[in-house]
Amino acid sequence: MKKENLGKRYGIGFSYIAMALIVFVLFWGLSLTGIGAFTGIYGAFKLIFPLIVAISIATGIGFDHSGASALAGAVGYLVFGASFSVLIDPKIPFLVTTPIKLFGSMGSDQFFFILCGLMMGIVAGSLYNKFYNIKLPEWLAFFGGRRFVPIITSIVALFIGSFIANVIIPHL
């Protein structure tokens, strides 16, 4: 893969993130007015931002910027978050809008989950480029091609979430 092509793919993914950041800053400014609705929208958008990062990076890296790569990014981040949060604290179910206290301050937690969204977007986009035209046996042919990508992404995300929760986080 040429460097120009890779730069263009990342540029498309980061353009989605830039638009989301513009909306994010807009609602942050409106939340400072003290109106409760804007504060709630800002809080929800802040917690959903890693999912937006995963979707946009997977779409940008994907071979033809298909919706299947975006779906794979979303599924990958949600499965990663579910497996990660269950192993960190089994009493708290994973919801996209539920903050997980991990490092003590919400700012560092938010940064960690944005990095995880970036990682899952890269994984989903790479898996899309590898498996978007896979041929399965006739009895599994329905799940071949682009439909296979979210399935394999969820399996990989399950292992990545389990690895980070069990190996990396205890040693921090």
N, C-alpha and C. Protein backbone atom coordinates (compact mmCIF):
# COMPACT_ATOMS: atom_id res chain seq x y z
N MET A 1 0.85 -1.17 0.00
CA MET A 1 0.00 0.00 0.00
C MET A 1 0.90 1.24 0.00
N LYS A 2 0.62 2.15 -0.90
CA LYS A 2 1.43 3.36 -1.00
C LYS A 2 1.14 4.29 0.17
N LYS A 3 2.13 5.12 0.47
CA LYS A 3 1.96 6.07 1.57
C LYS A 3 0.90 7.11 1.24
N GLU A 4 0.81 7.51 -0.05
CA GLU A 4 -0.20 8.49 -0.43
C GLU A 4 -1.61 7.93 -0.23
N ASN A 5 -1.78 6.66 -0.59
CA ASN A 5 -3.08 6.02 -0.44
C ASN A 5 -3.45 5.89 1.04
N LEU A 6 -2.48 5.52 1.87
CA LEU A 6 -2.73 5.40 3.31
C LEU A 6 -3.06 6.76 3.91
N GLY A 7 -2.34 7.80 3.49
CA GLY A 7 -2.64 9.15 3.97
C GLY A 7 -4.02 9.61 3.58
N LYS A 8 -4.45 9.26 2.37
CA LYS A 8 -5.79 9.64 1.93
C LYS A 8 -6.86 8.91 2.74
N ARG A 9 -6.61 7.65 3.03
CA ARG A 9 -7.58 6.89 3.82
C ARG A 9 -7.70 7.43 5.24
N TYR A 10 -6.56 7.71 5.86
CA TYR A 10 -6.62 8.30 7.20
C TYR A 10 -7.23 9.69 7.16
N GLY A 11 -6.98 10.43 6.09
CA GLY A 11 -7.56 11.78 5.96
C GLY A 11 -9.07 11.75 5.92
N ILE A 12 -9.63 10.77 5.22
CA ILE A 12 -11.09 10.64 5.18
C ILE A 12 -11.63 10.32 6.57
N GLY A 13 -10.97 9.40 7.27
CA GLY A 13 -11.42 9.05 8.62
C GLY A 13 -11.31 10.22 9.58
N PHE A 14 -10.22 10.96 9.50
CA PHE A 14 -10.04 12.09 10.40
C PHE A 14 -10.94 13.27 10.05
N SER A 15 -11.41 13.34 8.80
CA SER A 15 -12.35 14.42 8.48
C SER A 15 -13.68 14.21 9.19
N TYR A 16 -14.11 12.96 9.34
CA TYR A 16 -15.32 12.68 10.12
C TYR A 16 -15.12 13.07 11.58
N ILE A 17 -13.94 12.78 12.10
CA ILE A 17 -13.65 13.12 13.49
C ILE A 17 -13.62 14.63 13.67
N ALA A 18 -13.09 15.35 12.67
CA ALA A 18 -13.04 16.81 12.76
C ALA A 18 -14.45 17.40 12.80
N MET A 19 -15.35 16.85 12.00
CA MET A 19 -16.74 17.34 12.03
C MET A 19 -17.38 17.03 13.39
N ALA A 20 -17.10 15.86 13.93
CA ALA A 20 -17.64 15.52 15.24
C ALA A 20 -17.06 16.43 16.32
N LEU A 21 -15.79 16.80 16.20
CA LEU A 21 -15.20 17.71 17.17
C LEU A 21 -15.81 19.10 17.10
N ILE A 22 -16.18 19.55 15.90
CA ILE A 22 -16.85 20.85 15.77
C ILE A 22 -18.17 20.83 16.52
N VAL A 23 -18.94 19.75 16.34
CA VAL A 23 -20.21 19.63 17.06
C VAL A 23 -19.95 19.50 18.56
N PHE A 24 -18.91 18.77 18.93
CA PHE A 24 -18.54 18.59 20.33
C PHE A 24 -18.24 19.93 20.99
N VAL A 25 -17.44 20.76 20.34
CA VAL A 25 -17.10 22.07 20.90
C VAL A 25 -18.32 22.98 20.94
N LEU A 26 -19.19 22.86 19.94
CA LEU A 26 -20.42 23.65 19.94
C LEU A 26 -21.28 23.32 21.16
N PHE A 27 -21.48 22.04 21.42
CA PHE A 27 -22.29 21.67 22.59
C PHE A 27 -21.56 21.94 23.90
N TRP A 28 -20.23 21.90 23.89
CA TRP A 28 -19.49 22.28 25.09
C TRP A 28 -19.72 23.74 25.41
N GLY A 29 -19.67 24.59 24.40
CA GLY A 29 -19.93 26.02 24.62
C GLY A 29 -21.35 26.27 25.07
N LEU A 30 -22.30 25.54 24.49
CA LEU A 30 -23.69 25.72 24.90
C LEU A 30 -23.95 25.16 26.29
N SER A 31 -23.16 24.15 26.71
CA SER A 31 -23.36 23.60 28.05
C SER A 31 -22.90 24.57 29.13
N LEU A 32 -22.01 25.49 28.77
CA LEU A 32 -21.55 26.48 29.74
C LEU A 32 -22.63 27.52 30.06
N THR A 33 -23.69 27.57 29.25
CA THR A 33 -24.77 28.52 29.52
C THR A 33 -25.59 28.10 30.72
N GLY A 34 -25.50 26.84 31.12
CA GLY A 34 -26.23 26.37 32.28
C GLY A 34 -27.57 25.75 31.94
N ILE A 35 -27.94 25.71 30.67
CA ILE A 35 -29.19 25.08 30.27
C ILE A 35 -28.99 23.57 30.35
N GLY A 36 -29.86 22.90 31.07
CA GLY A 36 -29.68 21.48 31.35
C GLY A 36 -29.68 20.60 30.12
N ALA A 37 -30.46 20.95 29.10
CA ALA A 37 -30.51 20.12 27.91
C ALA A 37 -29.17 20.09 27.19
N PHE A 38 -28.52 21.24 27.09
CA PHE A 38 -27.22 21.29 26.42
C PHE A 38 -26.15 20.56 27.22
N THR A 39 -26.25 20.62 28.53
CA THR A 39 -25.30 19.90 29.37
C THR A 39 -25.47 18.40 29.19
N GLY A 40 -26.71 17.93 29.11
CA GLY A 40 -26.96 16.51 28.89
C GLY A 40 -26.50 16.04 27.52
N ILE A 41 -26.74 16.86 26.49
CA ILE A 41 -26.29 16.50 25.15
C ILE A 41 -24.77 16.45 25.09
N TYR A 42 -24.13 17.42 25.73
CA TYR A 42 -22.66 17.44 25.76
C TYR A 42 -22.12 16.21 26.48
N GLY A 43 -22.73 15.83 27.60
CA GLY A 43 -22.27 14.65 28.34
C GLY A 43 -22.44 13.37 27.54
N ALA A 44 -23.58 13.24 26.87
CA ALA A 44 -23.81 12.04 26.06
C ALA A 44 -22.87 12.00 24.86
N PHE A 45 -22.66 13.15 24.24
CA PHE A 45 -21.76 13.20 23.09
C PHE A 45 -20.33 12.89 23.50
N LYS A 46 -19.95 13.32 24.69
CA LYS A 46 -18.60 13.05 25.20
C LYS A 46 -18.39 11.55 25.41
N LEU A 47 -19.44 10.85 25.84
CA LEU A 47 -19.31 9.42 26.08
C LEU A 47 -19.42 8.60 24.80
N ILE A 48 -20.08 9.14 23.77
CA ILE A 48 -20.24 8.41 22.51
C ILE A 48 -19.10 8.71 21.54
N PHE A 49 -18.28 9.70 21.84
CA PHE A 49 -17.22 10.11 20.92
C PHE A 49 -16.25 8.98 20.56
N PRO A 50 -15.84 8.07 21.47
CA PRO A 50 -14.97 6.96 21.04
C PRO A 50 -15.63 6.05 20.00
N LEU A 51 -16.94 5.88 20.08
CA LEU A 51 -17.65 5.10 19.07
C LEU A 51 -17.59 5.80 17.71
N ILE A 52 -17.73 7.12 17.72
CA ILE A 52 -17.62 7.89 16.47
C ILE A 52 -16.22 7.76 15.90
N VAL A 53 -15.21 7.77 16.76
CA VAL A 53 -13.83 7.61 16.31
C VAL A 53 -13.63 6.24 15.66
N ALA A 54 -14.15 5.19 16.29
CA ALA A 54 -14.00 3.84 15.73
C ALA A 54 -14.69 3.72 14.38
N ILE A 55 -15.88 4.26 14.26
CA ILE A 55 -16.62 4.19 12.99
C ILE A 55 -15.90 4.97 11.90
N SER A 56 -15.44 6.17 12.22
CA SER A 56 -14.84 7.00 11.19
C SER A 56 -13.49 6.46 10.73
N ILE A 57 -12.68 5.97 11.64
CA ILE A 57 -11.39 5.41 11.25
C ILE A 57 -11.58 4.13 10.44
N ALA A 58 -12.53 3.28 10.83
CA ALA A 58 -12.79 2.06 10.06
C ALA A 58 -13.30 2.39 8.66
N THR A 59 -14.14 3.40 8.55
CA THR A 59 -14.64 3.80 7.24
C THR A 59 -13.51 4.38 6.39
N GLY A 60 -12.66 5.16 6.99
CA GLY A 60 -11.55 5.75 6.24
C GLY A 60 -10.54 4.73 5.77
N ILE A 61 -10.24 3.74 6.59
CA ILE A 61 -9.24 2.74 6.23
C ILE A 61 -9.82 1.71 5.27
N GLY A 62 -11.13 1.48 5.33
CA GLY A 62 -11.76 0.48 4.48
C GLY A 62 -11.47 0.70 3.01
N PHE A 63 -11.38 -0.39 2.27
CA PHE A 63 -10.97 -0.36 0.87
C PHE A 63 -11.83 0.57 0.02
N ASP A 64 -13.13 0.46 0.13
CA ASP A 64 -14.03 1.28 -0.69
C ASP A 64 -14.92 2.17 0.16
N HIS A 65 -14.54 2.43 1.39
CA HIS A 65 -15.29 3.28 2.33
C HIS A 65 -16.74 2.81 2.44
N SER A 66 -16.90 1.52 2.56
CA SER A 66 -18.21 0.90 2.60
C SER A 66 -18.84 1.02 3.99
N GLY A 67 -20.15 0.89 4.01
CA GLY A 67 -20.87 0.89 5.28
C GLY A 67 -20.56 -0.34 6.11
N ALA A 68 -20.13 -1.41 5.45
CA ALA A 68 -19.77 -2.62 6.19
C ALA A 68 -18.54 -2.38 7.07
N SER A 69 -17.63 -1.55 6.61
CA SER A 69 -16.47 -1.24 7.45
C SER A 69 -16.89 -0.36 8.63
N ALA A 70 -17.85 0.54 8.41
CA ALA A 70 -18.37 1.36 9.52
C ALA A 70 -19.08 0.48 10.54
N LEU A 71 -19.87 -0.47 10.05
CA LEU A 71 -20.55 -1.40 10.95
C LEU A 71 -19.54 -2.24 11.72
N ALA A 72 -18.48 -2.65 11.05
CA ALA A 72 -17.45 -3.43 11.72
C ALA A 72 -16.76 -2.61 12.80
N GLY A 73 -16.53 -1.32 12.54
CA GLY A 73 -15.94 -0.46 13.56
C GLY A 73 -16.85 -0.29 14.76
N ALA A 74 -18.15 -0.11 14.51
CA ALA A 74 -19.10 0.03 15.61
C ALA A 74 -19.21 -1.26 16.42
N VAL A 75 -19.35 -2.38 15.73
CA VAL A 75 -19.47 -3.67 16.41
C VAL A 75 -18.18 -3.97 17.18
N GLY A 76 -17.05 -3.68 16.57
CA GLY A 76 -15.77 -3.93 17.24
C GLY A 76 -15.63 -3.14 18.52
N TYR A 77 -15.98 -1.84 18.47
CA TYR A 77 -15.85 -1.03 19.69
C TYR A 77 -16.84 -1.47 20.76
N LEU A 78 -18.07 -1.80 20.36
CA LEU A 78 -19.07 -2.20 21.35
C LEU A 78 -18.72 -3.54 22.00
N VAL A 79 -18.23 -4.49 21.22
CA VAL A 79 -17.82 -5.78 21.79
C VAL A 79 -16.59 -5.60 22.66
N PHE A 80 -15.65 -4.77 22.20
CA PHE A 80 -14.47 -4.47 23.01
C PHE A 80 -14.89 -3.86 24.34
N GLY A 81 -15.77 -2.87 24.31
CA GLY A 81 -16.20 -2.22 25.54
C GLY A 81 -16.94 -3.15 26.47
N ALA A 82 -17.77 -4.04 25.89
CA ALA A 82 -18.52 -4.98 26.72
C ALA A 82 -17.58 -5.98 27.39
N SER A 83 -16.66 -6.55 26.63
CA SER A 83 -15.75 -7.54 27.23
C SER A 83 -14.81 -6.87 28.22
N PHE A 84 -14.38 -5.67 27.91
CA PHE A 84 -13.46 -4.94 28.79
C PHE A 84 -14.14 -4.56 30.10
N SER A 85 -15.34 -4.00 30.02
CA SER A 85 -16.00 -3.52 31.24
C SER A 85 -16.47 -4.66 32.13
N VAL A 86 -16.88 -5.77 31.54
CA VAL A 86 -17.31 -6.92 32.35
C VAL A 86 -16.12 -7.49 33.12
N LEU A 87 -14.96 -7.50 32.52
CA LEU A 87 -13.80 -8.03 33.22
C LEU A 87 -13.25 -7.06 34.25
N ILE A 88 -13.43 -5.75 34.04
CA ILE A 88 -12.97 -4.76 35.01
C ILE A 88 -13.89 -4.72 36.22
N ASP A 89 -15.20 -4.60 35.98
CA ASP A 89 -16.19 -4.55 37.07
C ASP A 89 -17.43 -5.31 36.62
N PRO A 90 -17.61 -6.56 37.04
CA PRO A 90 -18.73 -7.37 36.56
C PRO A 90 -20.10 -6.86 36.99
N LYS A 91 -20.16 -6.00 38.00
CA LYS A 91 -21.46 -5.52 38.48
C LYS A 91 -22.05 -4.43 37.59
N ILE A 92 -21.22 -3.78 36.79
CA ILE A 92 -21.68 -2.68 35.95
C ILE A 92 -21.83 -3.17 34.52
N PRO A 93 -23.04 -3.15 33.96
CA PRO A 93 -23.19 -3.54 32.55
C PRO A 93 -22.63 -2.45 31.64
N PHE A 94 -22.14 -2.85 30.48
CA PHE A 94 -21.57 -1.87 29.56
C PHE A 94 -22.68 -1.22 28.76
N LEU A 95 -22.78 0.07 28.90
CA LEU A 95 -23.63 0.88 28.04
C LEU A 95 -22.73 1.95 27.46
N VAL A 96 -23.00 2.35 26.25
CA VAL A 96 -22.15 3.35 25.62
C VAL A 96 -22.18 4.65 26.41
N THR A 97 -23.30 4.95 27.04
CA THR A 97 -23.44 6.21 27.76
C THR A 97 -23.13 6.09 29.25
N THR A 98 -22.61 4.95 29.69
CA THR A 98 -22.25 4.79 31.09
C THR A 98 -20.74 4.95 31.25
N PRO A 99 -20.29 5.95 31.99
CA PRO A 99 -18.85 6.10 32.17
C PRO A 99 -18.29 5.02 33.08
N ILE A 100 -17.11 4.57 32.77
CA ILE A 100 -16.44 3.56 33.58
C ILE A 100 -15.29 4.25 34.30
N LYS A 101 -15.29 4.16 35.63
CA LYS A 101 -14.19 4.74 36.41
C LYS A 101 -13.03 3.76 36.37
N LEU A 102 -11.96 4.18 35.73
CA LEU A 102 -10.84 3.28 35.55
C LEU A 102 -9.58 3.84 36.19
N PHE A 103 -9.23 5.05 35.85
CA PHE A 103 -7.98 5.64 36.32
C PHE A 103 -8.20 6.70 37.39
N GLY A 104 -9.41 6.92 37.82
CA GLY A 104 -9.66 7.89 38.88
C GLY A 104 -10.29 9.17 38.39
N SER A 105 -9.80 9.73 37.29
CA SER A 105 -10.38 10.96 36.77
C SER A 105 -11.05 10.66 35.44
N MET A 106 -12.16 11.33 35.18
CA MET A 106 -12.91 11.07 33.96
C MET A 106 -12.14 11.53 32.72
N GLY A 107 -11.28 12.52 32.84
CA GLY A 107 -10.52 12.98 31.69
C GLY A 107 -9.58 11.92 31.16
N SER A 108 -8.87 11.25 32.05
CA SER A 108 -7.95 10.20 31.61
C SER A 108 -8.72 8.98 31.11
N ASP A 109 -9.87 8.68 31.71
CA ASP A 109 -10.70 7.58 31.21
C ASP A 109 -11.20 7.87 29.81
N GLN A 110 -11.64 9.10 29.57
CA GLN A 110 -12.14 9.48 28.25
C GLN A 110 -11.03 9.37 27.21
N PHE A 111 -9.84 9.81 27.55
CA PHE A 111 -8.71 9.70 26.63
C PHE A 111 -8.38 8.24 26.34
N PHE A 112 -8.44 7.38 27.37
CA PHE A 112 -8.18 5.95 27.18
C PHE A 112 -9.19 5.34 26.22
N PHE A 113 -10.48 5.67 26.38
CA PHE A 113 -11.48 5.07 25.51
C PHE A 113 -11.43 5.65 24.10
N ILE A 114 -10.97 6.89 23.94
CA ILE A 114 -10.76 7.42 22.59
C ILE A 114 -9.63 6.66 21.91
N LEU A 115 -8.57 6.36 22.65
CA LEU A 115 -7.48 5.55 22.09
C LEU A 115 -7.96 4.15 21.74
N CYS A 116 -8.85 3.58 22.57
CA CYS A 116 -9.40 2.26 22.27
C CYS A 116 -10.30 2.32 21.04
N GLY A 117 -11.06 3.40 20.89
CA GLY A 117 -11.87 3.58 19.68
C GLY A 117 -11.00 3.70 18.45
N LEU A 118 -9.88 4.41 18.57
CA LEU A 118 -8.94 4.53 17.47
C LEU A 118 -8.34 3.17 17.13
N MET A 119 -7.97 2.41 18.15
CA MET A 119 -7.41 1.08 17.93
C MET A 119 -8.42 0.15 17.27
N MET A 120 -9.67 0.17 17.74
CA MET A 120 -10.68 -0.71 17.15
C MET A 120 -11.04 -0.28 15.73
N GLY A 121 -10.99 1.01 15.45
CA GLY A 121 -11.21 1.47 14.08
C GLY A 121 -10.13 0.97 13.14
N ILE A 122 -8.88 1.02 13.59
CA ILE A 122 -7.78 0.52 12.77
C ILE A 122 -7.91 -0.99 12.57
N VAL A 123 -8.26 -1.71 13.63
CA VAL A 123 -8.43 -3.17 13.52
C VAL A 123 -9.58 -3.49 12.57
N ALA A 124 -10.71 -2.80 12.70
CA ALA A 124 -11.87 -3.08 11.86
C ALA A 124 -11.59 -2.74 10.40
N GLY A 125 -10.93 -1.62 10.15
CA GLY A 125 -10.59 -1.26 8.77
C GLY A 125 -9.61 -2.25 8.15
N SER A 126 -8.64 -2.69 8.92
CA SER A 126 -7.67 -3.66 8.41
C SER A 126 -8.33 -5.01 8.14
N LEU A 127 -9.21 -5.43 9.04
CA LEU A 127 -9.92 -6.69 8.81
C LEU A 127 -10.87 -6.58 7.62
N TYR A 128 -11.46 -5.41 7.41
CA TYR A 128 -12.32 -5.23 6.23
C TYR A 128 -11.49 -5.37 4.96
N ASN A 129 -10.31 -4.77 4.93
CA ASN A 129 -9.47 -4.87 3.73
C ASN A 129 -9.02 -6.30 3.48
N LYS A 130 -8.88 -7.09 4.53
CA LYS A 130 -8.43 -8.47 4.37
C LYS A 130 -9.57 -9.42 3.99
N PHE A 131 -10.77 -9.21 4.55
CA PHE A 131 -11.84 -10.21 4.42
C PHE A 131 -13.06 -9.74 3.64
N TYR A 132 -13.02 -8.61 2.94
CA TYR A 132 -14.25 -8.12 2.30
C TYR A 132 -14.68 -8.99 1.11
N ASN A 133 -13.80 -9.80 0.57
CA ASN A 133 -14.17 -10.66 -0.56
C ASN A 133 -13.93 -12.14 -0.26
N ILE A 134 -14.06 -12.54 0.97
CA ILE A 134 -13.80 -13.93 1.36
C ILE A 134 -14.93 -14.82 0.84
N LYS A 135 -14.56 -16.00 0.41
CA LYS A 135 -15.53 -17.00 -0.06
C LYS A 135 -15.61 -18.11 0.98
N LEU A 136 -16.82 -18.37 1.45
CA LEU A 136 -17.06 -19.43 2.42
C LEU A 136 -17.71 -20.61 1.72
N PRO A 137 -17.79 -21.78 2.37
CA PRO A 137 -18.49 -22.91 1.75
C PRO A 137 -19.94 -22.57 1.44
N GLU A 138 -20.55 -23.35 0.59
CA GLU A 138 -21.89 -23.04 0.09
C GLU A 138 -22.92 -22.92 1.20
N TRP A 139 -22.84 -23.75 2.21
CA TRP A 139 -23.83 -23.68 3.28
C TRP A 139 -23.60 -22.49 4.21
N LEU A 140 -22.46 -21.83 4.12
CA LEU A 140 -22.18 -20.60 4.87
C LEU A 140 -22.02 -19.39 3.96
N ALA A 141 -22.41 -19.53 2.70
CA ALA A 141 -22.14 -18.48 1.72
C ALA A 141 -22.85 -17.17 2.06
N PHE A 142 -23.96 -17.23 2.77
CA PHE A 142 -24.66 -16.00 3.14
C PHE A 142 -23.78 -15.10 3.99
N PHE A 143 -22.94 -15.69 4.83
CA PHE A 143 -22.09 -14.92 5.73
C PHE A 143 -20.73 -14.58 5.12
N GLY A 144 -20.55 -14.85 3.85
CA GLY A 144 -19.29 -14.54 3.19
C GLY A 144 -19.21 -13.09 2.75
N GLY A 145 -18.04 -12.70 2.33
CA GLY A 145 -17.85 -11.35 1.81
C GLY A 145 -17.92 -10.30 2.90
N ARG A 146 -18.66 -9.25 2.62
CA ARG A 146 -18.73 -8.12 3.55
C ARG A 146 -19.49 -8.46 4.83
N ARG A 147 -20.34 -9.46 4.80
CA ARG A 147 -21.07 -9.83 6.01
C ARG A 147 -20.17 -10.54 7.02
N PHE A 148 -19.07 -11.05 6.55
CA PHE A 148 -18.14 -11.76 7.43
C PHE A 148 -17.31 -10.80 8.28
N VAL A 149 -17.13 -9.58 7.79
CA VAL A 149 -16.23 -8.63 8.46
C VAL A 149 -16.69 -8.27 9.87
N PRO A 150 -17.97 -7.90 10.12
CA PRO A 150 -18.36 -7.62 11.51
C PRO A 150 -18.25 -8.84 12.43
N ILE A 151 -18.43 -10.03 11.87
CA ILE A 151 -18.33 -11.25 12.68
C ILE A 151 -16.89 -11.45 13.15
N ILE A 152 -15.95 -11.38 12.23
CA ILE A 152 -14.55 -11.58 12.62
C ILE A 152 -14.04 -10.42 13.46
N THR A 153 -14.56 -9.22 13.21
CA THR A 153 -14.16 -8.06 14.02
C THR A 153 -14.63 -8.23 15.46
N SER A 154 -15.84 -8.76 15.64
CA SER A 154 -16.33 -8.95 17.01
C SER A 154 -15.51 -10.01 17.75
N ILE A 155 -15.08 -11.04 17.05
CA ILE A 155 -14.26 -12.07 17.69
C ILE A 155 -12.90 -11.50 18.08
N VAL A 156 -12.29 -10.74 17.18
CA VAL A 156 -10.98 -10.14 17.47
C VAL A 156 -11.11 -9.12 18.60
N ALA A 157 -12.19 -8.32 18.59
CA ALA A 157 -12.40 -7.32 19.64
C ALA A 157 -12.61 -7.96 21.00
N LEU A 158 -13.25 -9.12 21.02
CA LEU A 158 -13.43 -9.85 22.28
C LEU A 158 -12.08 -10.23 22.88
N PHE A 159 -11.19 -10.72 22.05
CA PHE A 159 -9.87 -11.11 22.55
C PHE A 159 -9.03 -9.89 22.92
N ILE A 160 -9.13 -8.81 22.16
CA ILE A 160 -8.36 -7.60 22.48
C ILE A 160 -8.84 -7.01 23.80
N GLY A 161 -10.16 -6.93 23.98
CA GLY A 161 -10.71 -6.40 25.23
C GLY A 161 -10.33 -7.25 26.43
N SER A 162 -10.37 -8.55 26.26
CA SER A 162 -9.98 -9.45 27.35
C SER A 162 -8.49 -9.32 27.67
N PHE A 163 -7.67 -9.19 26.64
CA PHE A 163 -6.23 -9.06 26.85
C PHE A 163 -5.90 -7.76 27.58
N ILE A 164 -6.50 -6.66 27.16
CA ILE A 164 -6.21 -5.38 27.81
C ILE A 164 -6.71 -5.38 29.25
N ALA A 165 -7.89 -5.95 29.50
CA ALA A 165 -8.44 -5.95 30.85
C ALA A 165 -7.66 -6.87 31.80
N ASN A 166 -7.16 -7.99 31.29
CA ASN A 166 -6.50 -8.95 32.16
C ASN A 166 -4.99 -8.79 32.25
N VAL A 167 -4.36 -8.27 31.22
CA VAL A 167 -2.90 -8.22 31.20
C VAL A 167 -2.37 -6.80 31.37
N ILE A 168 -2.91 -5.86 30.64
CA ILE A 168 -2.34 -4.51 30.63
C ILE A 168 -2.81 -3.68 31.82
N ILE A 169 -4.12 -3.63 32.07
CA ILE A 169 -4.66 -2.77 33.12
C ILE A 169 -4.15 -3.15 34.51
N PRO A 170 -4.03 -4.43 34.89
CA PRO A 170 -3.51 -4.73 36.24
C PRO A 170 -2.07 -4.26 36.46
N HIS A 171 -1.31 -4.07 35.40
CA HIS A 171 0.09 -3.67 35.55
C HIS A 171 0.29 -2.17 35.44
N LEU A 172 -0.77 -1.40 35.34
CA LEU A 172 -0.63 0.05 35.28
C LEU A 172 -0.57 0.65 36.67
